[in-house]
PDB file of N, CA and C in Angstrom:
ATOM      1  N   MET A   1      93.664 -82.822  33.341  1.00  0.00           N
ATOM      2  CA  MET A   1      92.711 -82.043  32.130  1.00  0.00           C
ATOM      3  C   MET A   1      91.538 -81.519  32.926  1.00  0.00           C
ATOM      4  N   SER A   2      91.242 -80.421  32.377  1.00  0.00           N
ATOM      5  CA  SER A   2      89.817 -79.772  33.166  1.00  0.00           C
ATOM      6  C   SER A   2      88.691 -80.327  32.511  1.00  0.00           C
ATOM      7  N   SER A   3      87.521 -80.213  33.008  1.00  0.00           N
ATOM      8  CA  SER A   3      86.416 -80.973  32.531  1.00  0.00           C
ATOM      9  C   SER A   3      85.967 -80.328  31.371  1.00  0.00           C
ATOM     10  N   CYS A   4      86.251 -78.971  31.127  1.00  0.00           N
ATOM     11  CA  CYS A   4      85.831 -78.330  29.793  1.00  0.00           C
ATOM     12  C   CYS A   4      86.998 -78.972  28.875  1.00  0.00           C
ATOM     13  N   GLU A   5      88.242 -79.024  29.184  1.00  0.00           N
ATOM     14  CA  GLU A   5      89.066 -79.507  28.051  1.00  0.00           C
ATOM     15  C   GLU A   5      88.566 -80.774  27.701  1.00  0.00           C
ATOM     16  N   ALA A   6      88.323 -81.760  28.767  1.00  0.00           N
ATOM     17  CA  ALA A   6      87.889 -83.266  28.419  1.00  0.00           C
ATOM     18  C   ALA A   6      86.890 -83.323  27.329  1.00  0.00           C
ATOM     19  N   GLU A   7      85.599 -82.378  27.784  1.00  0.00           N
ATOM     20  CA  GLU A   7      84.590 -82.356  26.941  1.00  0.00           C
ATOM     21  C   GLU A   7      84.923 -82.125  25.460  1.00  0.00           C
ATOM     22  N   TYR A   8      85.460 -80.792  25.522  1.00  0.00           N
ATOM     23  CA  TYR A   8      85.926 -80.274  24.285  1.00  0.00           C
ATOM     24  C   TYR A   8      86.579 -81.138  23.185  1.00  0.00           C
ATOM     25  N   VAL A   9      87.631 -82.076  23.942  1.00  0.00           N
ATOM     26  CA  VAL A   9      88.434 -82.842  23.002  1.00  0.00           C
ATOM     27  C   VAL A   9      87.622 -84.258  22.504  1.00  0.00           C
ATOM     28  N   ALA A  10      87.461 -84.925  23.814  1.00  0.00           N
ATOM     29  CA  ALA A  10      87.063 -86.187  23.710  1.00  0.00           C
ATOM     30  C   ALA A  10      85.788 -86.297  23.186  1.00  0.00           C
ATOM     31  N   ALA A  11      84.678 -85.632  23.154  1.00  0.00           N
ATOM     32  CA  ALA A  11      83.195 -85.499  22.584  1.00  0.00           C
ATOM     33  C   ALA A  11      83.246 -85.658  21.095  1.00  0.00           C
ATOM     34  N   VAL A  12      83.888 -84.829  20.639  1.00  0.00           N
ATOM     35  CA  VAL A  12      84.338 -84.416  19.182  1.00  0.00           C
ATOM     36  C   VAL A  12      85.014 -85.458  18.486  1.00  0.00           C
ATOM     37  N   ARG A  13      85.873 -86.149  19.009  1.00  0.00           N
ATOM     38  CA  ARG A  13      86.747 -87.049  18.558  1.00  0.00           C
ATOM     39  C   ARG A  13      85.999 -88.363  18.537  1.00  0.00           C
ATOM     40  N   GLN A  14      85.134 -88.690  19.319  1.00  0.00           N
ATOM     41  CA  GLN A  14      84.427 -89.985  19.371  1.00  0.00           C
ATOM     42  C   GLN A  14      83.297 -89.566  18.503  1.00  0.00           C
ATOM     43  N   GLY A  15      82.570 -88.591  18.413  1.00  0.00           N
ATOM     44  CA  GLY A  15      81.498 -88.407  17.720  1.00  0.00           C
ATOM     45  C   GLY A  15      81.822 -88.348  16.161  1.00  0.00           C
ATOM     46  N   ILE A  16      82.948 -87.951  15.813  1.00  0.00           N
ATOM     47  CA  ILE A  16      83.402 -88.155  14.455  1.00  0.00           C
ATOM     48  C   ILE A  16      83.805 -89.414  13.920  1.00  0.00           C
ATOM     49  N   TRP A  17      84.402 -90.117  14.619  1.00  0.00           N
ATOM     50  CA  TRP A  17      84.723 -91.657  14.739  1.00  0.00           C
ATOM     51  C   TRP A  17      83.883 -92.087  14.569  1.00  0.00           C
ATOM     52  N   LEU A  18      82.661 -92.009  15.291  1.00  0.00           N
ATOM     53  CA  LEU A  18      81.395 -93.009  15.071  1.00  0.00           C
ATOM     54  C   LEU A  18      80.805 -92.669  13.913  1.00  0.00           C
ATOM     55  N   ASN A  19      80.596 -91.332  13.546  1.00  0.00           N
ATOM     56  CA  ASN A  19      79.948 -91.296  12.454  1.00  0.00           C
ATOM     57  C   ASN A  19      80.507 -91.631  11.248  1.00  0.00           C
ATOM     58  N   ARG A  20      81.928 -91.572  11.278  1.00  0.00           N
ATOM     59  CA  ARG A  20      82.592 -92.120   9.964  1.00  0.00           C
ATOM     60  C   ARG A  20      82.355 -93.766   9.900  1.00  0.00           C
ATOM     61  N   LEU A  21      82.602 -94.397  11.076  1.00  0.00           N
ATOM     62  CA  LEU A  21      82.370 -95.760  11.125  1.00  0.00           C
ATOM     63  C   LEU A  21      81.008 -96.332  10.683  1.00  0.00           C
ATOM     64  N   ILE A  22      79.889 -95.740  11.012  1.00  0.00           N
ATOM     65  CA  ILE A  22      78.749 -95.953  10.963  1.00  0.00           C
ATOM     66  C   ILE A  22      78.365 -95.750   9.325  1.00  0.00           C
ATOM     67  N   ALA A  23      78.933 -94.510   8.646  1.00  0.00           N
ATOM     68  CA  ALA A  23      78.883 -94.317   7.361  1.00  0.00           C
ATOM     69  C   ALA A  23      79.470 -95.139   6.609  1.00  0.00           C
ATOM     70  N   ASP A  24      80.789 -95.657   6.897  1.00  0.00           N
ATOM     71  CA  ASP A  24      81.183 -96.510   6.205  1.00  0.00           C
ATOM     72  C   ASP A  24      80.610 -97.963   6.220  1.00  0.00           C
ATOM     73  N   MET A  25      80.195 -98.285   7.126  1.00  0.00           N
ATOM     74  CA  MET A  25      79.269 -99.701   7.246  1.00  0.00           C
ATOM     75  C   MET A  25      78.019 -99.814   6.738  1.00  0.00           C
ATOM     76  N   LEU A  26      77.399 -98.571   6.421  1.00  0.00           N
ATOM     77  CA  LEU A  26      76.118 -98.540   5.771  1.00  0.00           C
ATOM     78  C   LEU A  26      76.372 -98.208   4.443  1.00  0.00           C
ATOM     79  N   GLY A  27      77.393 -97.649   3.913  1.00  0.00           N
ATOM     80  CA  GLY A  27      77.675 -97.197   2.520  1.00  0.00           C
ATOM     81  C   GLY A  27      77.022 -95.847   2.305  1.00  0.00           C
ATOM     82  N   ALA A  28      76.831 -94.989   3.281  1.00  0.00           N
ATOM     83  CA  ALA A  28      76.043 -93.925   3.365  1.00  0.00           C
ATOM     84  C   ALA A  28      77.017 -92.532   3.412  1.00  0.00           C
ATOM     85  N   LYS A  29      76.430 -91.526   3.205  1.00  0.00           N
ATOM     86  CA  LYS A  29      77.111 -90.281   3.400  1.00  0.00           C
ATOM     87  C   LYS A  29      77.138 -89.973   5.088  1.00  0.00           C
ATOM     88  N   GLU A  30      78.300 -89.253   5.402  1.00  0.00           N
ATOM     89  CA  GLU A  30      78.446 -88.936   6.788  1.00  0.00           C
ATOM     90  C   GLU A  30      77.397 -87.782   7.034  1.00  0.00           C
ATOM     91  N   MET A  31      76.785 -88.158   8.259  1.00  0.00           N
ATOM     92  CA  MET A  31      75.840 -87.047   8.860  1.00  0.00           C
ATOM     93  C   MET A  31      76.465 -85.956   9.867  1.00  0.00           C
ATOM     94  N   THR A  32      75.823 -84.815  10.073  1.00  0.00           N
ATOM     95  CA  THR A  32      76.155 -83.828  11.047  1.00  0.00           C
ATOM     96  C   THR A  32      75.987 -84.344  12.281  1.00  0.00           C
ATOM     97  N   VAL A  33      77.235 -84.311  13.114  1.00  0.00           N
ATOM     98  CA  VAL A  33      77.093 -85.086  14.312  1.00  0.00           C
ATOM     99  C   VAL A  33      76.703 -83.846  15.395  1.00  0.00           C
ATOM    100  N   LYS A  34      75.472 -84.028  16.190  1.00  0.00           N
ATOM    101  CA  LYS A  34      75.152 -83.380  17.242  1.00  0.00           C
ATOM    102  C   LYS A  34      75.587 -83.652  18.582  1.00  0.00           C
ATOM    103  N   LEU A  35      76.224 -82.906  19.302  1.00  0.00           N
ATOM    104  CA  LEU A  35      77.006 -83.007  20.586  1.00  0.00           C
ATOM    105  C   LEU A  35      76.173 -82.144  21.720  1.00  0.00           C
ATOM    106  N   LEU A  36      75.633 -82.969  22.565  1.00  0.00           N
ATOM    107  CA  LEU A  36      75.000 -82.352  23.585  1.00  0.00           C
ATOM    108  C   LEU A  36      75.830 -82.197  24.686  1.00  0.00           C
ATOM    109  N   MET A  37      76.235 -81.077  25.157  1.00  0.00           N
ATOM    110  CA  MET A  37      77.047 -80.963  26.187  1.00  0.00           C
ATOM    111  C   MET A  37      76.536 -80.221  27.328  1.00  0.00           C
ATOM    112  N   ASP A  38      76.843 -80.628  28.569  1.00  0.00           N
ATOM    113  CA  ASP A  38      76.513 -79.830  29.839  1.00  0.00           C
ATOM    114  C   ASP A  38      77.339 -78.966  30.367  1.00  0.00           C
ATOM    115  N   ASN A  39      78.372 -79.022  29.564  1.00  0.00           N
ATOM    116  CA  ASN A  39      79.592 -78.071  29.972  1.00  0.00           C
ATOM    117  C   ASN A  39      79.511 -76.524  29.253  1.00  0.00           C
ATOM    118  N   GLN A  40      79.053 -75.621  29.974  1.00  0.00           N
ATOM    119  CA  GLN A  40      78.913 -74.384  29.154  1.00  0.00           C
ATOM    120  C   GLN A  40      80.199 -73.923  28.651  1.00  0.00           C
ATOM    121  N   ALA A  41      81.369 -74.002  29.340  1.00  0.00           N
ATOM    122  CA  ALA A  41      82.718 -73.403  29.094  1.00  0.00           C
ATOM    123  C   ALA A  41      83.128 -74.112  27.611  1.00  0.00           C
ATOM    124  N   ALA A  42      82.778 -75.349  27.547  1.00  0.00           N
ATOM    125  CA  ALA A  42      83.279 -76.371  26.458  1.00  0.00           C
ATOM    126  C   ALA A  42      82.382 -75.524  25.276  1.00  0.00           C
ATOM    127  N   ILE A  43      81.392 -75.494  25.510  1.00  0.00           N
ATOM    128  CA  ILE A  43      80.401 -74.912  24.252  1.00  0.00           C
ATOM    129  C   ILE A  43      80.695 -73.442  23.729  1.00  0.00           C
ATOM    130  N   ALA A  44      81.069 -72.652  25.071  1.00  0.00           N
ATOM    131  CA  ALA A  44      81.500 -71.399  24.648  1.00  0.00           C
ATOM    132  C   ALA A  44      82.894 -71.400  23.978  1.00  0.00           C
ATOM    133  N   LEU A  45      83.822 -72.243  24.394  1.00  0.00           N
ATOM    134  CA  LEU A  45      85.123 -72.268  23.668  1.00  0.00           C
ATOM    135  C   LEU A  45      85.061 -72.754  22.245  1.00  0.00           C
ATOM    136  N   SER A  46      84.164 -73.711  22.085  1.00  0.00           N
ATOM    137  CA  SER A  46      84.069 -74.179  20.511  1.00  0.00           C
ATOM    138  C   SER A  46      83.283 -73.492  19.734  1.00  0.00           C
ATOM    139  N   LYS A  47      82.415 -72.504  19.905  1.00  0.00           N
ATOM    140  CA  LYS A  47      81.866 -71.664  19.310  1.00  0.00           C
ATOM    141  C   LYS A  47      82.197 -69.951  19.301  1.00  0.00           C
ATOM    142  N   ASN A  48      83.352 -69.645  20.145  1.00  0.00           N
ATOM    143  CA  ASN A  48      83.713 -68.426  20.246  1.00  0.00           C
ATOM    144  C   ASN A  48      85.293 -68.141  20.581  1.00  0.00           C
ATOM    145  N   PRO A  49      86.002 -68.007  19.327  1.00  0.00           N
ATOM    146  CA  PRO A  49      87.603 -67.793  19.403  1.00  0.00           C
ATOM    147  C   PRO A  49      87.976 -66.873  20.735  1.00  0.00           C
ATOM    148  N   ILE A  50      87.025 -66.075  20.883  1.00  0.00           N
ATOM    149  CA  ILE A  50      87.574 -64.844  22.086  1.00  0.00           C
ATOM    150  C   ILE A  50      87.909 -65.561  23.596  1.00  0.00           C
ATOM    151  N   HIS A  51      87.134 -66.850  23.879  1.00  0.00           N
ATOM    152  CA  HIS A  51      87.473 -67.285  24.977  1.00  0.00           C
ATOM    153  C   HIS A  51      88.838 -68.020  24.803  1.00  0.00           C
ATOM    154  N   HIS A  52      89.441 -68.154  23.805  1.00  0.00           N
ATOM    155  CA  HIS A  52      90.914 -68.724  23.703  1.00  0.00           C
ATOM    156  C   HIS A  52      91.805 -68.274  24.571  1.00  0.00           C
ATOM    157  N   ASP A  53      91.559 -66.672  24.906  1.00  0.00           N
ATOM    158  CA  ASP A  53      92.642 -66.287  25.769  1.00  0.00           C
ATOM    159  C   ASP A  53      92.450 -66.597  27.118  1.00  0.00           C
ATOM    160  N   HIS A  54      91.372 -67.238  27.674  1.00  0.00           N
ATOM    161  CA  HIS A  54      91.001 -67.617  28.823  1.00  0.00           C
ATOM    162  C   HIS A  54      91.479 -69.136  28.932  1.00  0.00           C
ATOM    163  N   ASN A  55      91.694 -69.743  27.775  1.00  0.00           N
ATOM    164  CA  ASN A  55      92.165 -71.455  27.901  1.00  0.00           C
ATOM    165  C   ASN A  55      93.344 -71.620  27.148  1.00  0.00           C
ATOM    166  N   LYS A  56      94.490 -70.737  27.232  1.00  0.00           N
ATOM    167  CA  LYS A  56      95.588 -71.106  26.805  1.00  0.00           C
ATOM    168  C   LYS A  56      96.260 -72.449  27.011  1.00  0.00           C
ATOM    169  N   HIS A  57      95.819 -73.254  28.166  1.00  0.00           N
ATOM    170  CA  HIS A  57      96.179 -74.438  28.371  1.00  0.00           C
ATOM    171  C   HIS A  57      95.676 -75.550  27.270  1.00  0.00           C
ATOM    172  N   ILE A  58      94.803 -75.027  26.514  1.00  0.00           N
ATOM    173  CA  ILE A  58      94.273 -76.018  25.728  1.00  0.00           C
ATOM    174  C   ILE A  58      95.071 -75.637  24.279  1.00  0.00           C
ATOM    175  N   ASP A  59      95.712 -76.655  23.845  1.00  0.00           N
ATOM    176  CA  ASP A  59      96.427 -76.507  22.524  1.00  0.00           C
ATOM    177  C   ASP A  59      95.780 -76.379  21.231  1.00  0.00           C
ATOM    178  N   THR A  60      96.536 -75.791  20.312  1.00  0.00           N
ATOM    179  CA  THR A  60      96.003 -75.322  19.165  1.00  0.00           C
ATOM    180  C   THR A  60      95.368 -76.527  18.574  1.00  0.00           C
ATOM    181  N   ARG A  61      96.018 -77.590  18.629  1.00  0.00           N
ATOM    182  CA  ARG A  61      95.490 -79.052  18.002  1.00  0.00           C
ATOM    183  C   ARG A  61      94.201 -79.401  18.497  1.00  0.00           C
ATOM    184  N   TYR A  62      93.895 -78.851  19.686  1.00  0.00           N
ATOM    185  CA  TYR A  62      92.399 -79.208  20.053  1.00  0.00           C
ATOM    186  C   TYR A  62      91.575 -78.486  19.723  1.00  0.00           C
ATOM    187  N   HIS A  63      91.645 -77.455  18.780  1.00  0.00           N
ATOM    188  CA  HIS A  63      90.628 -76.580  18.231  1.00  0.00           C
ATOM    189  C   HIS A  63      89.956 -77.188  16.931  1.00  0.00           C
ATOM    190  N   PHE A  64      90.279 -78.543  16.986  1.00  0.00           N
ATOM    191  CA  PHE A  64      89.581 -79.408  15.915  1.00  0.00           C
ATOM    192  C   PHE A  64      88.323 -79.387  15.982  1.00  0.00           C
ATOM    193  N   LEU A  65      87.607 -79.156  17.068  1.00  0.00           N
ATOM    194  CA  LEU A  65      86.153 -79.018  17.251  1.00  0.00           C
ATOM    195  C   LEU A  65      85.509 -77.873  16.551  1.00  0.00           C
ATOM    196  N   ARG A  66      86.355 -76.759  16.816  1.00  0.00           N
ATOM    197  CA  ARG A  66      85.955 -75.378  16.105  1.00  0.00           C
ATOM    198  C   ARG A  66      85.751 -75.499  14.545  1.00  0.00           C
ATOM    199  N   HIS A  67      86.988 -76.108  14.172  1.00  0.00           N
ATOM    200  CA  HIS A  67      87.114 -76.403  12.610  1.00  0.00           C
ATOM    201  C   HIS A  67      86.215 -77.323  12.319  1.00  0.00           C
ATOM    202  N   CYS A  68      85.586 -78.250  12.791  1.00  0.00           N
ATOM    203  CA  CYS A  68      84.527 -79.217  12.547  1.00  0.00           C
ATOM    204  C   CYS A  68      83.151 -78.638  12.570  1.00  0.00           C
ATOM    205  N   ILE A  69      82.986 -77.499  13.468  1.00  0.00           N
ATOM    206  CA  ILE A  69      81.759 -76.767  13.294  1.00  0.00           C
ATOM    207  C   ILE A  69      81.801 -75.686  12.250  1.00  0.00           C
ATOM    208  N   GLU A  70      82.860 -75.241  11.880  1.00  0.00           N
ATOM    209  CA  GLU A  70      82.937 -74.494  11.098  1.00  0.00           C
ATOM    210  C   GLU A  70      82.655 -74.786   9.591  1.00  0.00           C
ATOM    211  N   GLU A  71      83.132 -76.215   9.233  1.00  0.00           N
ATOM    212  CA  GLU A  71      82.667 -77.085   8.174  1.00  0.00           C
ATOM    213  C   GLU A  71      81.424 -77.674   8.225  1.00  0.00           C
ATOM    214  N   GLY A  72      80.876 -77.484   9.269  1.00  0.00           N
ATOM    215  CA  GLY A  72      79.113 -78.215   9.415  1.00  0.00           C
ATOM    216  C   GLY A  72      79.451 -79.667   9.445  1.00  0.00           C
ATOM    217  N   LYS A  73      80.263 -80.253   9.931  1.00  0.00           N
ATOM    218  CA  LYS A  73      80.289 -81.545  10.364  1.00  0.00           C
ATOM    219  C   LYS A  73      79.879 -81.729  11.834  1.00  0.00           C
ATOM    220  N   VAL A  74      79.971 -80.664  12.741  1.00  0.00           N
ATOM    221  CA  VAL A  74      79.657 -80.945  13.954  1.00  0.00           C
ATOM    222  C   VAL A  74      78.728 -79.808  14.552  1.00  0.00           C
ATOM    223  N   GLU A  75      77.465 -80.208  15.142  1.00  0.00           N
ATOM    224  CA  GLU A  75      76.743 -78.984  15.761  1.00  0.00           C
ATOM    225  C   GLU A  75      76.836 -79.403  17.457  1.00  0.00           C
ATOM    226  N   VAL A  76      76.905 -78.132  17.995  1.00  0.00           N
ATOM    227  CA  VAL A  76      77.126 -78.358  19.486  1.00  0.00           C
ATOM    228  C   VAL A  76      75.986 -77.593  20.062  1.00  0.00           C
ATOM    229  N   ASP A  77      75.205 -78.236  21.010  1.00  0.00           N
ATOM    230  CA  ASP A  77      74.172 -77.679  21.825  1.00  0.00           C
ATOM    231  C   ASP A  77      74.333 -78.010  23.194  1.00  0.00           C
ATOM    232  N   HIS A  78      73.481 -77.301  24.219  1.00  0.00           N
ATOM    233  CA  HIS A  78      73.532 -77.648  25.682  1.00  0.00           C
ATOM    234  C   HIS A  78      72.406 -78.459  25.924  1.00  0.00           C
ATOM    235  N   VAL A  79      72.612 -79.336  26.837  1.00  0.00           N
ATOM    236  CA  VAL A  79      71.980 -80.100  27.562  1.00  0.00           C
ATOM    237  C   VAL A  79      71.964 -80.043  29.163  1.00  0.00           C
ATOM    238  N   GLY A  80      70.960 -79.896  29.788  1.00  0.00           N
ATOM    239  CA  GLY A  80      71.143 -79.908  31.283  1.00  0.00           C
ATOM    240  C   GLY A  80      71.922 -81.136  31.804  1.00  0.00           C
ATOM    241  N   SER A  81      72.536 -80.839  33.079  1.00  0.00           N
ATOM    242  CA  SER A  81      73.324 -81.956  33.646  1.00  0.00           C
ATOM    243  C   SER A  81      72.585 -83.114  34.226  1.00  0.00           C
ATOM    244  N   GLU A  82      71.009 -82.895  34.385  1.00  0.00           N
ATOM    245  CA  GLU A  82      70.077 -84.039  34.574  1.00  0.00           C
ATOM    246  C   GLU A  82      69.791 -84.692  33.533  1.00  0.00           C
ATOM    247  N   GLU A  83      69.787 -84.170  32.160  1.00  0.00           N
ATOM    248  CA  GLU A  83      69.338 -85.196  30.932  1.00  0.00           C
ATOM    249  C   GLU A  83      70.726 -85.768  30.315  1.00  0.00           C
ATOM    250  N   GLN A  84      71.764 -85.478  30.716  1.00  0.00           N
ATOM    251  CA  GLN A  84      73.170 -85.904  30.130  1.00  0.00           C
ATOM    252  C   GLN A  84      73.207 -87.385  30.223  1.00  0.00           C
ATOM    253  N   LEU A  85      73.006 -88.021  29.063  1.00  0.00           N
ATOM    254  CA  LEU A  85      72.616 -89.495  29.224  1.00  0.00           C
ATOM    255  C   LEU A  85      74.215 -90.171  29.219  1.00  0.00           C
ATOM    256  N   ALA A  86      75.239 -89.295  28.815  1.00  0.00           N
ATOM    257  CA  ALA A  86      76.516 -89.970  28.691  1.00  0.00           C
ATOM    258  C   ALA A  86      76.951 -90.328  30.275  1.00  0.00           C
ATOM    259  N   ASP A  87      76.338 -89.593  31.228  1.00  0.00           N
ATOM    260  CA  ASP A  87      76.578 -89.978  32.458  1.00  0.00           C
ATOM    261  C   ASP A  87      76.412 -91.286  32.861  1.00  0.00           C
ATOM    262  N   LEU A  88      75.705 -91.999  32.443  1.00  0.00           N
ATOM    263  CA  LEU A  88      75.595 -93.597  32.598  1.00  0.00           C
ATOM    264  C   LEU A  88      76.574 -94.161  32.285  1.00  0.00           C
ATOM    265  N   PHE A  89      77.448 -93.793  31.531  1.00  0.00           N
ATOM    266  CA  PHE A  89      78.761 -94.545  31.133  1.00  0.00           C
ATOM    267  C   PHE A  89      80.128 -93.794  31.591  1.00  0.00           C
ATOM    268  N   THR A  90      79.864 -92.714  32.091  1.00  0.00           N
ATOM    269  CA  THR A  90      81.176 -91.873  32.868  1.00  0.00           C
ATOM    270  C   THR A  90      81.078 -91.633  34.300  1.00  0.00           C
ATOM    271  N   LYS A  91      79.880 -92.032  34.919  1.00  0.00           N
ATOM    272  CA  LYS A  91      79.849 -91.501  36.232  1.00  0.00           C
ATOM    273  C   LYS A  91      79.063 -92.759  37.121  1.00  0.00           C
ATOM    274  N   ALA A  92      79.350 -92.607  38.288  1.00  0.00           N
ATOM    275  CA  ALA A  92      78.800 -93.516  39.158  1.00  0.00           C
ATOM    276  C   ALA A  92      77.448 -92.931  39.649  1.00  0.00           C
ATOM    277  N   LEU A  93      76.327 -93.698  39.191  1.00  0.00           N
ATOM    278  CA  LEU A  93      74.845 -93.013  39.304  1.00  0.00           C
ATOM    279  C   LEU A  93      74.452 -93.725  40.600  1.00  0.00           C
ATOM    280  N   GLY A  94      73.418 -93.240  41.371  1.00  0.00           N
ATOM    281  CA  GLY A  94      72.718 -94.091  42.419  1.00  0.00           C
ATOM    282  C   GLY A  94      71.796 -94.775  41.335  1.00  0.00           C
ATOM    283  N   ARG A  95      70.922 -95.771  41.965  1.00  0.00           N
ATOM    284  CA  ARG A  95      70.469 -96.787  41.617  1.00  0.00           C
ATOM    285  C   ARG A  95      69.102 -96.264  40.741  1.00  0.00           C
ATOM    286  N   VAL A  96      68.386 -95.353  41.367  1.00  0.00           N
ATOM    287  CA  VAL A  96      67.070 -94.812  40.531  1.00  0.00           C
ATOM    288  C   VAL A  96      67.723 -93.847  39.479  1.00  0.00           C
ATOM    289  N   LYS A  97      68.798 -93.250  39.484  1.00  0.00           N
ATOM    290  CA  LYS A  97      69.380 -92.499  38.257  1.00  0.00           C
ATOM    291  C   LYS A  97      69.920 -93.350  37.183  1.00  0.00           C
ATOM    292  N   PHE A  98      70.433 -94.530  37.649  1.00  0.00           N
ATOM    293  CA  PHE A  98      70.994 -95.406  36.575  1.00  0.00           C
ATOM    294  C   PHE A  98      69.843 -95.957  35.934  1.00  0.00           C
ATOM    295  N   VAL A  99      68.730 -96.580  36.519  1.00  0.00           N
ATOM    296  CA  VAL A  99      67.581 -97.254  36.027  1.00  0.00           C
ATOM    297  C   VAL A  99      66.938 -96.234  35.106  1.00  0.00           C
ATOM    298  N   GLU A 100      66.613 -95.026  35.388  1.00  0.00           N
ATOM    299  CA  GLU A 100      65.848 -94.222  34.507  1.00  0.00           C
ATOM    300  C   GLU A 100      66.845 -93.892  33.461  1.00  0.00           C
ATOM    301  N   GLN A 101      68.202 -93.535  33.388  1.00  0.00           N
ATOM    302  CA  GLN A 101      68.770 -93.469  32.165  1.00  0.00           C
ATOM    303  C   GLN A 101      68.928 -94.507  31.304  1.00  0.00           C
ATOM    304  N   ARG A 102      68.963 -95.707  32.115  1.00  0.00           N
ATOM    305  CA  ARG A 102      69.016 -97.010  31.099  1.00  0.00           C
ATOM    306  C   ARG A 102      67.703 -97.089  30.336  1.00  0.00           C
ATOM    307  N   SER A 103      66.525 -96.677  30.948  1.00  0.00           N
ATOM    308  CA  SER A 103      65.169 -96.832  30.326  1.00  0.00           C
ATOM    309  C   SER A 103      65.073 -95.788  28.991  1.00  0.00           C
ATOM    310  N   THR A 104      65.619 -94.523  29.364  1.00  0.00           N
ATOM    311  CA  THR A 104      65.727 -93.458  28.370  1.00  0.00           C
ATOM    312  C   THR A 104      66.401 -93.897  27.124  1.00  0.00           C
ATOM    313  N   LEU A 105      67.628 -94.600  27.454  1.00  0.00           N
ATOM    314  CA  LEU A 105      68.259 -95.260  26.160  1.00  0.00           C
ATOM    315  C   LEU A 105      67.507 -96.355  25.611  1.00  0.00           C
ATOM    316  N   GLY A 106      66.703 -96.822  26.087  1.00  0.00           N
ATOM    317  CA  GLY A 106      65.871 -98.089  25.578  1.00  0.00           C
ATOM    318  C   GLY A 106      66.553 -99.467  25.963  1.00  0.00           C
ATOM    319  N   VAL A 107      67.289 -99.479  26.809  1.00  0.00           N
ATOM    320  CA  VAL A 107      67.841-100.550  27.093  1.00  0.00           C
ATOM    321  C   VAL A 107      67.088-101.500  28.078  1.00  0.00           C
ATOM    322  N   VAL A 108      66.731-102.750  27.904  1.00  0.00           N
ATOM    323  CA  VAL A 108      65.649-103.443  28.785  1.00  0.00           C
ATOM    324  C   VAL A 108      66.347-104.958  29.275  1.00  0.00           C
ATOM    325  N   LYS A 109      65.747-105.251  30.258  1.00  0.00           N
ATOM    326  CA  LYS A 109      66.327-106.598  30.655  1.00  0.00           C
ATOM    327  C   LYS A 109      65.933-107.770  29.838  1.00  0.00           C
ATOM    328  N   VAL A 110      66.696-108.630  29.553  1.00  0.00           N
ATOM    329  CA  VAL A 110      66.473-109.820  28.862  1.00  0.00           C
ATOM    330  C   VAL A 110      66.576-111.094  29.608  1.00  0.00           C
ATOM    331  N   HIS A 111      65.273-111.799  29.809  1.00  0.00           N
ATOM    332  CA  HIS A 111      65.045-112.912  30.699  1.00  0.00           C
ATOM    333  C   HIS A 111      65.337-114.112  29.845  1.00  0.00           C
ATOM    334  N   GLN A 112      66.227-114.969  30.538  1.00  0.00           N
ATOM    335  CA  GLN A 112      66.555-116.199  29.750  1.00  0.00           C
ATOM    336  C   GLN A 112      65.499-117.415  30.197  1.00  0.00           C
ATOM    337  N   VAL A 113      65.266-118.356  29.442  1.00  0.00           N
ATOM    338  CA  VAL A 113      64.221-119.062  29.843  1.00  0.00           C
ATOM    339  C   VAL A 113      64.984-120.257  30.219  1.00  0.00           C
TER     340      VAL A 113
END
């Protein structure tokens, strides 16, 4: 699976699922999911159906993201690779980058007494 296809499919499915879960737990209305992707091809594919000709390997069922954008359930925007916090969970990072991203997420060390 290409990185374009992986981001295109996985990000939206997980975002929608988490949004529904949180809304159900809080008894609240579902919010618009904002996906911050560093893959420009995935962003272009989600917003522009003309790119479909260049991505025929992505089956029609994967165009769920485009449908969600059209319905206002999902908003897609670009974030540079250096600021992509999801990398903390998906890639092997050097210690400095790991600590930096961990801190950005608000994760702190808890010391037991």
